[in-house]
Amino acid sequence: MNEKTTSPESASAANEQPLNIPAAPPASSPSPLGGERAGERGSVGELKGTSLWKDAWRRLLKNKLAVFGLIVVAFIILASVIGPAIIGAATGYTYDFIPSNSNLIKAFAPFAAPDGSFSWTHPMGTDIAGRDILARVLLGGRISLAVGIISTLVSLIIGISYGAIAGYVGGKLDDLMMRIVDVLYAIPYMMIVIVLLAFFGSRSPIGQLFLLFAALGAVSWLTTARIVRGQVMSLKNQEFVLAARATGVRARKIIFRHLVPNTLGPVIVYATLTVPSVMLQEAFLSFLGLGVQAPLASWGSLTAEGIQNLAVFPWQLIFPGITMALTLFALNFLGDGLRDALDPHMRKF
C-alpha cells in the first residue's frame, strides 16, 4: 500500500504549525488605487476638510461682478479714510478751507488754475466758496459710509435680538412682538425719522450726525427681525438645541451662542443690501436739510448744493453724484454675490 497513514500525533502537530499570513506591503509600495503611497496619505482624521465660509468665499471669487464691487468698495473706503489727509499734506486744502484771497472765493472748473491755465491743484474743481470738491467728496464718502455702516449695525443689533427672542420663545409673546412689528411696518419709516430728527435735533453738527445714526438704525431693523425669527423657528427644534436644553443651558445662552450664529448667512446678505439703502435715506434727508449739517458734508448734502448750481457749475453735482452712484452699484453687486455664495441651493456637490 502506497497510502500514508497520518497518526493523531502528527495531525495535532500539523494543527500547531503557524499560519503563513502574507506581510503587509511596506509604506513605500504603491497603492493599488492609483499609485499614491499609503505613507503620504495619513489617517482619515488628518484629511483637510472645508467649511461653509471657505466654500462661500471660493464661490464669491468666481462672481466677477461681486469681485468688482468688493474692489470698488475697498478702494472708496481706503480713499475716504486717508484721502483728505493726503490732499491736505500735498496741497494744503481741506474740506472746509476757504481761501483768504477774495479772488479765489469762486467756483473753478476741474483742472483749472485761477488764471485759466491747466493745473492739478483742483482735479474736481471748487465750489462757490472756493473749497476743493475732491476733499469734500472724500469727506462726504467718509460720513456717508459711516452713516450706512453704523446705522446698519444698530439695526442688526436690534433686529437680531428682537427676532431671535420672538422666534425662540414663541407662543403669545411671539404674537405680541410680531404685531408690534406689523404696526411699525404700517407707518412710513421716513416719517418716523423726520419726526425724530425734528424733535431731538441737535445744534452741533456732530450731535446731529450721531442722532442720524440712531434714527436711521432705529427704523431699519424690522426686516432683520423677521428674517432672524424665521431662521430661529426652523432651528430651535434641531438636535443641538435639544441637547443644550437637556444639559441645562440657559435660554439666553442657547439663543445668542447656538442659534444666532447659525442665522448669520442671511443676515450678512441683508446687511450688505441695507447699507446702500440707508445711504440713500441719508442723502434724501440731507437734501431736505435734516441730515448732515455744515461744515460737515456727505454725498447727499453735496448733491443738494450741486443741484442749486447745476446750470452754471455742473461739476459740483457730477462728481459727488457719480461717486455715490458707483458706490451704491458696487454695494449691490457685492450683496448679490454674497447672496449667491451663501445660498445652499447654489452649492455644487
Protein backbone atom coordinates (compact mmCIF):
# COMPACT_ATOMS: atom_id res chain seq x y z
CA MET A 1 0.00 0.00 0.00
CA ASN A 2 1.40 3.36 -1.06
CA GLU A 3 -1.04 5.38 1.00
CA LYS A 4 0.45 7.04 4.05
CA THR A 5 -1.46 6.97 7.26
CA THR A 6 -1.48 10.01 9.44
CA SER A 7 -1.19 9.39 13.14
CA PRO A 8 -3.09 11.52 15.66
CA GLU A 9 0.21 12.88 16.95
CA SER A 10 1.26 14.15 13.54
CA ALA A 11 -2.19 15.68 12.91
CA SER A 12 -2.08 17.66 16.11
CA ALA A 13 1.46 18.81 15.29
CA ALA A 14 0.29 19.99 11.91
CA ASN A 15 -2.51 21.99 13.51
CA GLU A 16 0.02 23.68 15.77
CA GLN A 17 2.08 24.99 12.84
CA PRO A 18 1.79 28.84 12.45
CA LEU A 19 -0.27 30.15 9.54
CA ASN A 20 1.70 31.78 6.74
CA ILE A 21 -0.13 35.17 6.59
CA PRO A 22 1.39 37.47 3.97
CA ALA A 23 3.03 40.53 5.44
CA ALA A 24 1.57 43.99 4.85
CA PRO A 25 3.19 45.86 1.97
CA PRO A 26 5.77 48.42 3.02
CA ALA A 27 4.86 52.05 3.24
CA SER A 28 6.91 52.78 0.15
CA SER A 29 4.95 50.35 -2.04
CA PRO A 30 2.47 51.91 -4.44
CA SER A 31 -1.20 51.87 -3.54
CA PRO A 32 -3.46 49.83 -5.79
CA LEU A 33 -5.84 52.82 -6.05
CA GLY A 34 -3.73 54.91 -8.35
CA GLY A 35 -0.11 54.74 -7.27
CA GLU A 36 -0.36 57.03 -4.24
CA ARG A 37 1.75 55.89 -1.35
CA ALA A 38 -0.03 54.95 1.84
CA GLY A 39 2.51 56.73 4.00
CA GLU A 40 1.75 60.02 2.23
CA ARG A 41 -2.00 59.86 2.74
CA GLY A 42 -2.07 59.80 6.52
CA SER A 43 -5.10 58.76 8.50
CA VAL A 44 -8.63 59.73 7.60
CA GLY A 45 -8.78 62.09 10.56
CA GLU A 46 -5.87 64.09 9.14
CA LEU A 47 -7.57 64.87 5.84
CA LYS A 48 -8.27 68.56 5.50
CA GLY A 49 -11.93 69.45 5.01
CA THR A 50 -13.70 72.65 4.13
CA SER A 51 -16.22 74.92 5.80
CA LEU A 52 -19.24 76.92 4.76
CA TRP A 53 -17.32 80.21 4.82
CA LYS A 54 -14.37 78.90 2.78
CA ASP A 55 -16.72 77.36 0.25
CA ALA A 56 -18.73 80.61 0.05
CA TRP A 57 -15.54 82.66 -0.38
CA ARG A 58 -14.46 80.50 -3.32
CA ARG A 59 -17.84 80.91 -4.97
CA LEU A 60 -17.75 84.65 -4.32
CA LEU A 61 -14.39 84.97 -6.08
CA LYS A 62 -15.87 83.30 -9.16
CA ASN A 63 -18.51 86.04 -9.44
CA LYS A 64 -16.88 88.82 -11.46
CA LEU A 65 -19.45 91.48 -10.59
CA ALA A 66 -19.13 90.69 -6.89
CA VAL A 67 -15.32 90.90 -7.06
CA PHE A 68 -15.64 94.21 -8.91
CA GLY A 69 -17.98 95.50 -6.20
CA LEU A 70 -15.62 94.36 -3.46
CA ILE A 71 -12.64 96.10 -5.08
CA VAL A 72 -14.58 99.34 -5.64
CA VAL A 73 -15.93 99.41 -2.08
CA ALA A 74 -12.49 98.70 -0.61
CA PHE A 75 -10.91 101.43 -2.77
CA ILE A 76 -13.54 104.04 -1.85
CA ILE A 77 -13.27 103.22 1.85
CA LEU A 78 -9.47 103.50 1.70
CA ALA A 79 -9.62 106.76 -0.27
CA SER A 80 -12.21 108.24 2.10
CA VAL A 81 -10.16 107.35 5.17
CA ILE A 82 -6.70 108.51 4.08
CA GLY A 83 -7.53 110.75 1.10
CA PRO A 84 -8.32 114.01 2.95
CA ALA A 85 -5.06 113.77 4.92
CA ILE A 86 -3.04 113.20 1.73
CA ILE A 87 -4.72 116.15 -0.02
CA GLY A 88 -4.14 118.39 3.00
CA ALA A 89 -0.46 117.44 3.16
CA ALA A 90 0.09 117.81 -0.60
CA THR A 91 -1.89 120.97 -1.38
CA GLY A 92 -2.87 122.45 1.98
CA TYR A 93 -6.58 122.31 1.11
CA THR A 94 -9.07 120.72 3.48
CA TYR A 95 -12.77 120.14 3.11
CA ASP A 96 -13.65 123.40 4.90
CA PHE A 97 -10.73 125.57 3.75
CA ILE A 98 -11.88 128.90 2.28
CA PRO A 99 -9.10 130.97 0.66
CA SER A 100 -8.28 134.30 2.26
CA ASN A 101 -7.86 135.88 -1.16
CA SER A 102 -11.25 137.16 -2.30
CA ASN A 103 -10.32 136.47 -5.92
CA LEU A 104 -10.16 132.75 -5.14
CA ILE A 105 -13.57 132.59 -3.44
CA LYS A 106 -15.42 131.42 -6.51
CA ALA A 107 -16.04 128.24 -8.48
CA PHE A 108 -13.21 126.99 -10.67
CA ALA A 109 -13.63 124.25 -13.26
CA PRO A 110 -11.77 120.94 -12.85
CA PHE A 111 -8.01 121.10 -13.56
CA ALA A 112 -8.20 124.90 -13.93
CA ALA A 113 -5.96 127.46 -12.21
CA PRO A 114 -7.20 130.97 -11.27
CA ASP A 115 -5.59 132.34 -14.44
CA GLY A 116 -7.37 129.75 -16.63
CA SER A 117 -4.34 127.53 -17.25
CA PHE A 118 -4.17 123.79 -16.62
CA SER A 119 -3.47 122.80 -13.02
CA TRP A 120 -3.60 119.62 -10.90
CA THR A 121 -4.48 121.60 -7.76
CA HIS A 122 -8.25 121.01 -8.01
CA PRO A 123 -8.96 117.85 -10.07
CA MET A 124 -12.70 118.17 -9.39
CA GLY A 125 -12.84 121.95 -9.30
CA THR A 126 -14.07 124.13 -6.44
CA ASP A 127 -17.47 125.22 -5.15
CA ILE A 128 -18.75 128.79 -4.96
CA ALA A 129 -16.85 129.30 -1.69
CA GLY A 130 -13.53 128.21 -3.23
CA ARG A 131 -13.42 124.91 -1.33
CA ASP A 132 -11.82 121.91 -3.02
CA ILE A 133 -14.53 119.50 -4.21
CA LEU A 134 -12.25 116.44 -4.17
CA ALA A 135 -11.52 116.91 -0.47
CA ARG A 136 -15.22 117.44 0.21
CA VAL A 137 -16.23 114.36 -1.82
CA LEU A 138 -13.77 112.19 0.10
CA LEU A 139 -15.01 113.58 3.41
CA GLY A 140 -18.57 113.05 2.20
CA GLY A 141 -17.72 109.45 1.44
CA ARG A 142 -16.34 109.01 4.94
CA ILE A 143 -19.55 110.36 6.51
CA SER A 144 -21.97 108.62 4.11
CA LEU A 145 -20.27 105.25 4.55
CA ALA A 146 -20.15 105.76 8.32
CA VAL A 147 -23.86 106.55 8.37
CA GLY A 148 -24.64 103.48 6.27
CA ILE A 149 -22.43 101.07 8.22
CA ILE A 150 -23.15 102.30 11.76
CA SER A 151 -26.90 102.61 11.17
CA THR A 152 -26.92 99.10 9.70
CA LEU A 153 -25.06 97.76 12.76
CA VAL A 154 -27.60 99.44 15.04
CA SER A 155 -30.45 97.89 13.07
CA LEU A 156 -28.75 94.46 13.18
CA ILE A 157 -28.29 94.58 16.95
CA ILE A 158 -31.94 95.48 17.50
CA GLY A 159 -33.36 93.20 14.81
CA ILE A 160 -31.30 90.11 15.66
CA SER A 161 -32.09 90.35 19.37
CA TYR A 162 -35.78 91.04 18.80
CA GLY A 163 -36.30 88.37 16.17
CA ALA A 164 -34.27 85.68 17.98
CA ILE A 165 -36.20 86.14 21.24
CA ALA A 166 -39.57 86.11 19.45
CA GLY A 167 -38.72 83.02 17.41
CA TYR A 168 -37.28 81.01 20.31
CA VAL A 169 -39.93 81.80 22.93
CA GLY A 170 -42.90 81.55 20.57
CA GLY A 171 -46.47 81.49 21.77
CA LYS A 172 -48.27 84.62 22.90
CA LEU A 173 -45.06 86.60 23.31
CA ASP A 174 -44.14 85.90 19.69
CA ASP A 175 -47.60 87.01 18.54
CA LEU A 176 -47.38 90.24 20.53
CA MET A 177 -43.88 91.09 19.31
CA MET A 178 -44.76 90.41 15.68
CA ARG A 179 -47.93 92.53 15.90
CA ILE A 180 -45.74 95.41 17.08
CA VAL A 181 -43.57 94.88 14.01
CA ASP A 182 -46.67 94.90 11.80
CA VAL A 183 -47.83 98.19 13.31
CA LEU A 184 -44.41 99.77 12.74
CA TYR A 185 -44.42 98.47 9.17
CA ALA A 186 -47.70 100.29 8.54
CA ILE A 187 -46.14 103.65 9.47
CA PRO A 188 -43.91 105.26 6.81
CA TYR A 189 -40.43 104.88 8.29
CA MET A 190 -39.15 108.07 6.69
CA MET A 191 -41.85 109.98 8.54
CA ILE A 192 -40.61 108.46 11.81
CA VAL A 193 -37.03 109.51 11.02
CA ILE A 194 -38.10 113.06 10.15
CA VAL A 195 -40.09 113.34 13.40
CA LEU A 196 -37.15 112.02 15.45
CA LEU A 197 -34.68 114.37 13.79
CA ALA A 198 -37.02 117.35 14.14
CA PHE A 199 -37.91 116.60 17.76
CA PHE A 200 -34.45 115.64 19.04
CA GLY A 201 -32.49 117.83 16.64
CA SER A 202 -29.04 118.87 17.85
CA ARG A 203 -27.43 122.24 17.30
CA SER A 204 -23.94 120.84 16.78
CA PRO A 205 -23.03 119.02 13.53
CA ILE A 206 -21.51 116.10 15.44
CA GLY A 207 -24.60 115.72 17.61
CA GLN A 208 -26.83 115.79 14.54
CA LEU A 209 -24.66 113.13 12.94
CA PHE A 210 -24.99 110.75 15.91
CA LEU A 211 -28.73 111.41 16.02
CA LEU A 212 -28.85 110.44 12.36
CA PHE A 213 -27.08 107.15 13.18
CA ALA A 214 -29.64 106.32 15.86
CA ALA A 215 -32.71 107.45 13.92
CA LEU A 216 -31.90 105.50 10.76
CA GLY A 217 -30.86 102.41 12.70
CA ALA A 218 -33.99 102.51 14.85
CA VAL A 219 -36.32 102.14 11.85
CA SER A 220 -34.28 99.71 9.72
CA TRP A 221 -34.45 96.64 11.97
CA LEU A 222 -37.94 95.36 11.12
CA THR A 223 -36.97 93.17 8.16
CA THR A 224 -33.93 91.85 10.05
CA ALA A 225 -36.17 90.80 12.93
CA ARG A 226 -38.46 88.86 10.60
CA ILE A 227 -35.56 87.12 8.87
CA VAL A 228 -33.92 86.07 12.15
CA ARG A 229 -37.25 84.96 13.64
CA GLY A 230 -37.90 82.64 10.71
CA GLN A 231 -34.39 81.16 10.91
CA VAL A 232 -34.61 80.62 14.66
CA MET A 233 -38.03 78.95 14.40
CA SER A 234 -36.59 76.46 11.90
CA LEU A 235 -33.56 75.74 14.10
CA LYS A 236 -34.91 75.66 17.65
CA ASN A 237 -36.08 72.03 17.39
CA GLN A 238 -32.80 70.73 15.97
CA GLU A 239 -30.76 68.14 17.85
CA PHE A 240 -28.03 70.50 19.04
CA VAL A 241 -30.62 72.81 20.64
CA LEU A 242 -32.42 69.90 22.30
CA ALA A 243 -29.07 68.66 23.61
CA ALA A 244 -28.30 72.10 25.04
CA ARG A 245 -31.67 72.20 26.78
CA ALA A 246 -31.15 68.69 28.19
CA THR A 247 -27.83 69.69 29.72
CA GLY A 248 -29.40 72.68 31.47
CA VAL A 249 -28.07 75.51 29.29
CA ARG A 250 -29.94 78.76 29.86
CA ALA A 251 -32.28 80.11 27.22
CA ARG A 252 -30.24 83.29 26.75
CA LYS A 253 -27.10 81.28 26.07
CA ILE A 254 -28.94 78.99 23.64
CA ILE A 255 -30.28 81.99 21.72
CA PHE A 256 -27.10 84.03 21.41
CA ARG A 257 -24.47 81.30 21.34
CA HIS A 258 -26.14 78.44 19.47
CA LEU A 259 -28.97 79.90 17.39
CA VAL A 260 -27.87 83.40 16.36
CA PRO A 261 -24.51 82.28 14.83
CA ASN A 262 -26.43 79.87 12.58
CA THR A 263 -28.52 82.74 11.18
CA LEU A 264 -25.58 84.92 10.13
CA GLY A 265 -25.63 83.84 6.48
CA PRO A 266 -28.93 85.52 5.52
CA VAL A 267 -28.24 88.36 7.95
CA ILE A 268 -24.90 89.23 6.29
CA VAL A 269 -26.54 89.23 2.88
CA TYR A 270 -29.32 91.51 4.06
CA ALA A 271 -26.80 93.81 5.80
CA THR A 272 -24.86 94.36 2.57
CA LEU A 273 -28.11 95.34 0.87
CA THR A 274 -29.15 97.57 3.80
CA VAL A 275 -26.04 99.77 3.70
CA PRO A 276 -26.83 101.34 0.27
CA SER A 277 -30.48 101.74 1.27
CA VAL A 278 -29.51 103.64 4.43
CA MET A 279 -27.06 105.77 2.43
CA LEU A 280 -29.86 106.75 0.06
CA GLN A 281 -32.08 107.65 3.02
CA GLU A 282 -29.31 109.81 4.46
CA ALA A 283 -28.86 111.53 1.09
CA PHE A 284 -32.58 112.26 0.95
CA LEU A 285 -32.59 113.68 4.50
CA SER A 286 -29.50 115.80 3.77
CA PHE A 287 -31.19 117.03 0.61
CA LEU A 288 -34.11 118.18 2.77
CA GLY A 289 -31.74 119.84 5.24
CA LEU A 290 -32.39 117.35 8.07
CA GLY A 291 -29.24 115.27 7.66
CA VAL A 292 -25.58 116.23 7.86
CA GLN A 293 -25.10 119.87 8.80
CA ALA A 294 -22.35 122.26 7.66
CA PRO A 295 -19.38 122.45 7.84
CA LEU A 296 -19.53 118.65 7.57
CA ALA A 297 -20.57 117.23 4.23
CA SER A 298 -21.99 113.99 2.90
CA TRP A 299 -22.70 112.89 -0.64
CA GLY A 300 -26.32 113.85 -0.09
CA SER A 301 -25.56 117.37 1.09
CA LEU A 302 -23.00 117.86 -1.72
CA THR A 303 -25.62 116.75 -4.23
CA ALA A 304 -28.10 119.22 -2.78
CA GLU A 305 -25.54 122.02 -3.15
CA GLY A 306 -24.69 120.94 -6.68
CA ILE A 307 -28.30 120.96 -7.83
CA GLN A 308 -28.61 124.63 -6.92
CA ASN A 309 -25.73 125.49 -9.28
CA LEU A 310 -26.33 122.81 -11.90
CA ALA A 311 -26.87 125.17 -14.83
CA VAL A 312 -23.69 127.19 -14.17
CA PHE A 313 -21.31 124.78 -12.39
CA PRO A 314 -22.36 121.24 -13.34
CA TRP A 315 -19.20 119.61 -11.94
CA GLN A 316 -20.43 120.38 -8.42
CA LEU A 317 -23.18 117.79 -8.96
CA ILE A 318 -21.47 115.39 -11.37
CA PHE A 319 -18.54 114.28 -9.20
CA PRO A 320 -20.38 113.58 -5.90
CA GLY A 321 -23.27 112.06 -7.86
CA ILE A 322 -21.03 109.69 -9.85
CA THR A 323 -19.07 108.68 -6.74
CA MET A 324 -22.23 107.94 -4.81
CA ALA A 325 -23.83 106.02 -7.70
CA LEU A 326 -20.67 103.93 -8.24
CA THR A 327 -20.54 103.05 -4.53
CA LEU A 328 -24.20 102.05 -4.44
CA PHE A 329 -23.80 99.89 -7.56
CA ALA A 330 -20.72 98.20 -6.03
CA LEU A 331 -22.51 97.50 -2.75
CA ASN A 332 -25.47 95.99 -4.56
CA PHE A 333 -23.19 93.81 -6.73
CA LEU A 334 -21.39 92.66 -3.59
CA GLY A 335 -24.67 91.93 -1.81
CA ASP A 336 -25.97 89.89 -4.74
CA GLY A 337 -22.71 87.96 -4.89
CA LEU A 338 -22.84 87.17 -1.18
CA ARG A 339 -26.44 86.03 -1.52
CA ASP A 340 -25.47 83.59 -4.27
CA ALA A 341 -22.37 82.43 -2.42
CA LEU A 342 -24.18 81.73 0.85
CA ASP A 343 -27.30 80.21 -0.73
CA PRO A 344 -27.27 76.44 -0.09
CA HIS A 345 -29.08 75.80 -3.38
CA MET A 346 -26.15 77.36 -5.28
CA ARG A 347 -23.63 74.85 -3.95
CA LYS A 348 -22.15 72.27 -6.27
CA PHE A 349 -21.73 68.90 -4.68
